[in-house]
Amino acid sequence: MWRFLFMVLALGAIAAFFTNPSEENAEAALGQMVVSGINSQDISVDKSAAGNALLIACKLRPKDCQKVLETQLSSQYNDYTLFSTFSAEGLGMKTWCIGAFTKLTCPGGINPE
């Protein structure tokens, strides 16, 4: 019984080691979160004209907008062999994510600072 449990844990650790998301994957996932956040925003009268213009520009060219926004974020990636953590903050927002088995999960999404 103990041998079986040990083998299952060992196989899980090996799988986690080989499927740990890289820093590039973490940044790509964060970029997708930013683009989906922009796409969910509505143009409104309550926002300034500059804010609406920026939102329209980001909706028209999301990849270019993502590149510009990434320059304004400070991010930190930590690799712990079996899993990784990724945090980013900037533009009044912050997020913390954990990655394992090719997935990056951000419990709470992107939150205001």
N, C-alpha and C. Protein backbone atom coordinates (compact mmCIF):
# COMPACT_ATOMS: atom_id res chain seq x y z
N MET A 1 0.82 -1.19 0.00
CA MET A 1 0.00 0.00 0.00
C MET A 1 0.86 1.26 0.00
N TRP A 2 1.88 1.30 0.87
CA TRP A 2 2.76 2.46 0.95
C TRP A 2 3.57 2.62 -0.33
N ARG A 3 3.95 1.52 -0.92
CA ARG A 3 4.73 1.56 -2.15
C ARG A 3 3.88 2.18 -3.27
N PHE A 4 2.61 1.78 -3.34
CA PHE A 4 1.70 2.33 -4.35
C PHE A 4 1.53 3.84 -4.15
N LEU A 5 1.32 4.26 -2.91
CA LEU A 5 1.16 5.68 -2.62
C LEU A 5 2.43 6.46 -2.98
N PHE A 6 3.57 5.91 -2.66
CA PHE A 6 4.84 6.55 -3.00
C PHE A 6 4.98 6.68 -4.52
N MET A 7 4.62 5.65 -5.26
CA MET A 7 4.73 5.68 -6.73
C MET A 7 3.79 6.73 -7.32
N VAL A 8 2.59 6.85 -6.80
CA VAL A 8 1.64 7.85 -7.29
C VAL A 8 2.19 9.25 -7.03
N LEU A 9 2.72 9.49 -5.84
CA LEU A 9 3.30 10.80 -5.52
C LEU A 9 4.51 11.09 -6.38
N ALA A 10 5.35 10.10 -6.61
CA ALA A 10 6.53 10.29 -7.45
C ALA A 10 6.14 10.60 -8.89
N LEU A 11 5.16 9.89 -9.42
CA LEU A 11 4.71 10.17 -10.79
C LEU A 11 4.08 11.55 -10.89
N GLY A 12 3.34 11.96 -9.87
CA GLY A 12 2.76 13.31 -9.85
C GLY A 12 3.84 14.39 -9.82
N ALA A 13 4.89 14.17 -9.03
CA ALA A 13 5.99 15.13 -8.96
C ALA A 13 6.73 15.21 -10.29
N ILE A 14 6.92 14.08 -10.94
CA ILE A 14 7.59 14.07 -12.25
C ILE A 14 6.74 14.81 -13.28
N ALA A 15 5.45 14.57 -13.26
CA ALA A 15 4.55 15.26 -14.19
C ALA A 15 4.55 16.76 -13.92
N ALA A 16 4.54 17.16 -12.65
CA ALA A 16 4.57 18.59 -12.31
C ALA A 16 5.87 19.23 -12.76
N PHE A 17 6.99 18.51 -12.63
CA PHE A 17 8.28 19.03 -13.04
C PHE A 17 8.30 19.34 -14.54
N PHE A 18 7.78 18.42 -15.34
CA PHE A 18 7.84 18.59 -16.79
C PHE A 18 6.74 19.49 -17.36
N THR A 19 5.75 19.83 -16.57
CA THR A 19 4.66 20.68 -17.07
C THR A 19 4.58 22.02 -16.35
N ASN A 20 5.63 22.41 -15.67
CA ASN A 20 5.66 23.69 -14.97
C ASN A 20 5.65 24.82 -16.00
N PRO A 21 4.71 25.78 -15.93
CA PRO A 21 4.66 26.86 -16.91
C PRO A 21 5.90 27.75 -16.83
N SER A 22 6.39 28.18 -17.99
CA SER A 22 7.56 29.05 -18.04
C SER A 22 7.16 30.51 -17.82
N GLU A 23 8.16 31.37 -17.71
CA GLU A 23 7.89 32.79 -17.52
C GLU A 23 7.17 33.38 -18.74
N GLU A 24 7.53 32.93 -19.93
CA GLU A 24 6.88 33.42 -21.14
C GLU A 24 5.39 33.05 -21.16
N ASN A 25 5.09 31.82 -20.72
CA ASN A 25 3.69 31.40 -20.65
C ASN A 25 2.91 32.22 -19.63
N ALA A 26 3.56 32.54 -18.50
CA ALA A 26 2.91 33.35 -17.47
C ALA A 26 2.62 34.75 -17.98
N GLU A 27 3.58 35.35 -18.69
CA GLU A 27 3.36 36.68 -19.23
C GLU A 27 2.28 36.68 -20.31
N ALA A 28 2.24 35.61 -21.12
CA ALA A 28 1.20 35.50 -22.15
C ALA A 28 -0.18 35.38 -21.51
N ALA A 29 -0.28 34.61 -20.43
CA ALA A 29 -1.57 34.47 -19.74
C ALA A 29 -2.00 35.79 -19.12
N LEU A 30 -1.05 36.53 -18.57
CA LEU A 30 -1.37 37.84 -18.01
C LEU A 30 -1.84 38.78 -19.12
N GLY A 31 -1.20 38.72 -20.27
CA GLY A 31 -1.61 39.54 -21.40
C GLY A 31 -3.03 39.22 -21.85
N GLN A 32 -3.37 37.93 -21.85
CA GLN A 32 -4.74 37.54 -22.21
C GLN A 32 -5.74 38.06 -21.19
N MET A 33 -5.36 38.06 -19.91
CA MET A 33 -6.25 38.60 -18.88
C MET A 33 -6.47 40.09 -19.09
N VAL A 34 -5.40 40.81 -19.45
CA VAL A 34 -5.51 42.25 -19.68
C VAL A 34 -6.41 42.54 -20.88
N VAL A 35 -6.19 41.79 -21.98
CA VAL A 35 -7.01 42.00 -23.18
C VAL A 35 -8.47 41.69 -22.91
N SER A 36 -8.76 40.62 -22.17
CA SER A 36 -10.16 40.29 -21.87
C SER A 36 -10.76 41.35 -20.95
N GLY A 37 -9.96 41.91 -20.04
CA GLY A 37 -10.45 43.00 -19.19
C GLY A 37 -10.78 44.24 -20.00
N ILE A 38 -9.96 44.54 -21.00
CA ILE A 38 -10.21 45.70 -21.86
C ILE A 38 -11.47 45.47 -22.69
N ASN A 39 -11.61 44.26 -23.22
CA ASN A 39 -12.78 43.97 -24.05
C ASN A 39 -14.09 43.99 -23.27
N SER A 40 -14.02 43.79 -21.96
CA SER A 40 -15.25 43.81 -21.16
C SER A 40 -15.64 45.22 -20.74
N GLN A 41 -14.76 46.20 -20.95
CA GLN A 41 -15.06 47.59 -20.58
C GLN A 41 -15.98 48.23 -21.62
N ASP A 42 -16.84 49.10 -21.17
CA ASP A 42 -17.74 49.83 -22.05
C ASP A 42 -17.33 51.29 -22.13
N ILE A 43 -17.57 51.88 -23.28
CA ILE A 43 -17.33 53.31 -23.45
C ILE A 43 -18.51 54.03 -22.82
N SER A 44 -18.22 54.99 -21.94
CA SER A 44 -19.32 55.67 -21.26
C SER A 44 -19.06 57.17 -21.17
N VAL A 45 -20.10 57.90 -20.86
CA VAL A 45 -20.02 59.34 -20.72
C VAL A 45 -19.27 59.70 -19.43
N ASP A 46 -19.30 58.81 -18.45
CA ASP A 46 -18.66 59.08 -17.16
C ASP A 46 -17.13 59.15 -17.28
N LYS A 47 -16.57 58.49 -18.25
CA LYS A 47 -15.12 58.50 -18.43
C LYS A 47 -14.70 59.74 -19.20
N SER A 48 -13.44 60.10 -19.06
CA SER A 48 -12.92 61.24 -19.79
C SER A 48 -12.79 60.90 -21.28
N ALA A 49 -12.65 61.93 -22.09
CA ALA A 49 -12.51 61.72 -23.53
C ALA A 49 -11.21 60.97 -23.82
N ALA A 50 -10.15 61.29 -23.08
CA ALA A 50 -8.87 60.60 -23.28
C ALA A 50 -8.99 59.13 -22.89
N GLY A 51 -9.70 58.85 -21.81
CA GLY A 51 -9.90 57.47 -21.38
C GLY A 51 -10.70 56.68 -22.40
N ASN A 52 -11.74 57.30 -22.95
CA ASN A 52 -12.53 56.64 -23.99
C ASN A 52 -11.72 56.42 -25.26
N ALA A 53 -10.89 57.40 -25.63
CA ALA A 53 -10.05 57.26 -26.83
C ALA A 53 -9.04 56.12 -26.64
N LEU A 54 -8.46 56.05 -25.45
CA LEU A 54 -7.51 54.96 -25.17
C LEU A 54 -8.22 53.61 -25.19
N LEU A 55 -9.41 53.55 -24.65
CA LEU A 55 -10.17 52.30 -24.65
C LEU A 55 -10.53 51.88 -26.07
N ILE A 56 -10.93 52.83 -26.91
CA ILE A 56 -11.25 52.51 -28.31
C ILE A 56 -10.00 52.01 -29.02
N ALA A 57 -8.87 52.68 -28.81
CA ALA A 57 -7.61 52.26 -29.45
C ALA A 57 -7.22 50.85 -29.00
N CYS A 58 -7.41 50.56 -27.72
CA CYS A 58 -7.05 49.23 -27.21
C CYS A 58 -7.99 48.16 -27.75
N LYS A 59 -9.25 48.51 -27.95
CA LYS A 59 -10.19 47.53 -28.51
C LYS A 59 -9.90 47.27 -29.99
N LEU A 60 -9.42 48.28 -30.70
CA LEU A 60 -9.13 48.10 -32.11
C LEU A 60 -7.83 47.32 -32.34
N ARG A 61 -6.82 47.56 -31.52
CA ARG A 61 -5.53 46.88 -31.67
C ARG A 61 -5.08 46.34 -30.32
N PRO A 62 -5.68 45.23 -29.87
CA PRO A 62 -5.40 44.73 -28.52
C PRO A 62 -3.95 44.28 -28.32
N LYS A 63 -3.30 43.73 -29.33
CA LYS A 63 -1.92 43.26 -29.16
C LYS A 63 -0.97 44.44 -28.95
N ASP A 64 -1.17 45.53 -29.69
CA ASP A 64 -0.32 46.71 -29.49
C ASP A 64 -0.57 47.32 -28.13
N CYS A 65 -1.83 47.36 -27.73
CA CYS A 65 -2.18 47.89 -26.42
C CYS A 65 -1.56 47.04 -25.31
N GLN A 66 -1.59 45.73 -25.50
CA GLN A 66 -1.00 44.81 -24.52
C GLN A 66 0.49 45.07 -24.37
N LYS A 67 1.19 45.30 -25.47
CA LYS A 67 2.63 45.58 -25.41
C LYS A 67 2.91 46.87 -24.66
N VAL A 68 2.11 47.90 -24.91
CA VAL A 68 2.29 49.17 -24.22
C VAL A 68 2.02 49.01 -22.73
N LEU A 69 0.95 48.30 -22.38
CA LEU A 69 0.61 48.12 -20.98
C LEU A 69 1.65 47.28 -20.24
N GLU A 70 2.25 46.30 -20.93
CA GLU A 70 3.26 45.46 -20.29
C GLU A 70 4.49 46.26 -19.87
N THR A 71 4.78 47.35 -20.60
CA THR A 71 5.93 48.18 -20.21
C THR A 71 5.66 48.92 -18.92
N GLN A 72 4.37 49.09 -18.56
CA GLN A 72 4.01 49.81 -17.35
C GLN A 72 3.86 48.88 -16.13
N LEU A 73 4.00 47.57 -16.33
CA LEU A 73 3.85 46.60 -15.24
C LEU A 73 5.21 46.11 -14.77
N SER A 74 5.33 45.92 -13.48
CA SER A 74 6.51 45.25 -12.94
C SER A 74 6.07 43.85 -12.53
N SER A 75 6.81 42.86 -13.01
CA SER A 75 6.41 41.48 -12.75
C SER A 75 7.57 40.71 -12.13
N GLN A 76 7.22 39.66 -11.41
CA GLN A 76 8.22 38.80 -10.78
C GLN A 76 7.78 37.35 -10.96
N TYR A 77 8.70 36.54 -11.48
CA TYR A 77 8.44 35.12 -11.72
C TYR A 77 9.38 34.32 -10.82
N ASN A 78 8.82 33.36 -10.09
CA ASN A 78 9.61 32.48 -9.23
C ASN A 78 9.35 31.03 -9.63
N ASP A 79 10.42 30.30 -9.93
CA ASP A 79 10.29 28.90 -10.32
C ASP A 79 10.69 28.04 -9.13
N TYR A 80 9.77 27.21 -8.65
CA TYR A 80 10.02 26.33 -7.51
C TYR A 80 10.08 24.86 -7.94
N THR A 81 10.55 24.61 -9.12
CA THR A 81 10.75 23.28 -9.71
C THR A 81 9.43 22.57 -10.01
N LEU A 82 8.58 22.32 -9.03
CA LEU A 82 7.33 21.61 -9.27
C LEU A 82 6.17 22.55 -9.57
N PHE A 83 6.30 23.81 -9.19
CA PHE A 83 5.28 24.82 -9.49
C PHE A 83 5.98 26.16 -9.58
N SER A 84 5.27 27.17 -10.01
CA SER A 84 5.85 28.51 -10.12
C SER A 84 4.84 29.54 -9.65
N THR A 85 5.33 30.71 -9.28
CA THR A 85 4.46 31.81 -8.91
C THR A 85 4.79 33.00 -9.81
N PHE A 86 3.80 33.81 -10.06
CA PHE A 86 3.96 34.98 -10.93
C PHE A 86 3.15 36.10 -10.33
N SER A 87 3.77 37.24 -10.12
CA SER A 87 3.05 38.40 -9.61
C SER A 87 3.36 39.59 -10.50
N ALA A 88 2.38 40.46 -10.63
CA ALA A 88 2.55 41.68 -11.43
C ALA A 88 1.76 42.79 -10.78
N GLU A 89 2.31 43.99 -10.89
CA GLU A 89 1.60 45.15 -10.38
C GLU A 89 1.99 46.38 -11.18
N GLY A 90 1.06 47.29 -11.26
CA GLY A 90 1.26 48.53 -12.00
C GLY A 90 -0.07 49.07 -12.46
N LEU A 91 -0.08 50.35 -12.83
CA LEU A 91 -1.31 51.01 -13.29
C LEU A 91 -2.44 50.90 -12.27
N GLY A 92 -2.09 50.85 -10.98
CA GLY A 92 -3.08 50.77 -9.92
C GLY A 92 -3.70 49.40 -9.73
N MET A 93 -3.13 48.38 -10.36
CA MET A 93 -3.66 47.02 -10.26
C MET A 93 -2.55 46.07 -9.83
N LYS A 94 -2.94 44.92 -9.28
CA LYS A 94 -1.97 43.89 -8.93
C LYS A 94 -2.63 42.53 -9.02
N THR A 95 -1.80 41.51 -9.24
CA THR A 95 -2.29 40.14 -9.31
C THR A 95 -1.19 39.20 -8.84
N TRP A 96 -1.59 38.05 -8.36
CA TRP A 96 -0.68 36.98 -7.96
C TRP A 96 -1.22 35.68 -8.50
N CYS A 97 -0.36 34.91 -9.17
CA CYS A 97 -0.80 33.68 -9.82
C CYS A 97 0.12 32.53 -9.44
N ILE A 98 -0.40 31.34 -9.52
CA ILE A 98 0.38 30.13 -9.27
C ILE A 98 0.24 29.23 -10.50
N GLY A 99 1.33 28.63 -10.92
CA GLY A 99 1.31 27.80 -12.12
C GLY A 99 1.77 26.39 -11.82
N ALA A 100 1.02 25.43 -12.34
CA ALA A 100 1.38 24.01 -12.22
C ALA A 100 0.60 23.24 -13.28
N PHE A 101 1.19 22.16 -13.77
CA PHE A 101 0.54 21.30 -14.76
C PHE A 101 0.04 22.10 -15.97
N THR A 102 0.89 22.95 -16.52
CA THR A 102 0.67 23.81 -17.70
C THR A 102 -0.42 24.85 -17.52
N LYS A 103 -0.97 25.00 -16.34
CA LYS A 103 -2.03 25.99 -16.09
C LYS A 103 -1.49 27.09 -15.19
N LEU A 104 -1.96 28.30 -15.44
CA LEU A 104 -1.65 29.43 -14.58
C LEU A 104 -2.97 29.91 -14.00
N THR A 105 -3.09 29.86 -12.68
CA THR A 105 -4.32 30.23 -12.00
C THR A 105 -4.07 31.45 -11.13
N CYS A 106 -4.91 32.44 -11.30
CA CYS A 106 -4.80 33.66 -10.50
C CYS A 106 -6.04 33.75 -9.61
N PRO A 107 -5.92 33.26 -8.37
CA PRO A 107 -7.11 33.26 -7.51
C PRO A 107 -7.51 34.67 -7.13
N GLY A 108 -8.47 35.23 -7.68
CA GLY A 108 -8.88 36.60 -7.39
C GLY A 108 -8.72 37.51 -8.59
N GLY A 109 -8.05 37.06 -9.62
CA GLY A 109 -7.88 37.86 -10.84
C GLY A 109 -7.01 39.06 -10.63
N ILE A 110 -7.30 40.12 -11.36
CA ILE A 110 -6.55 41.36 -11.25
C ILE A 110 -7.34 42.29 -10.34
N ASN A 111 -6.69 42.74 -9.26
CA ASN A 111 -7.36 43.54 -8.24
C ASN A 111 -6.76 44.93 -8.15
N PRO A 112 -7.55 45.94 -7.74
CA PRO A 112 -6.98 47.27 -7.51
C PRO A 112 -6.05 47.25 -6.31
N GLU A 113 -5.01 48.08 -6.37
CA GLU A 113 -4.05 48.14 -5.25
C GLU A 113 -4.65 48.85 -4.06
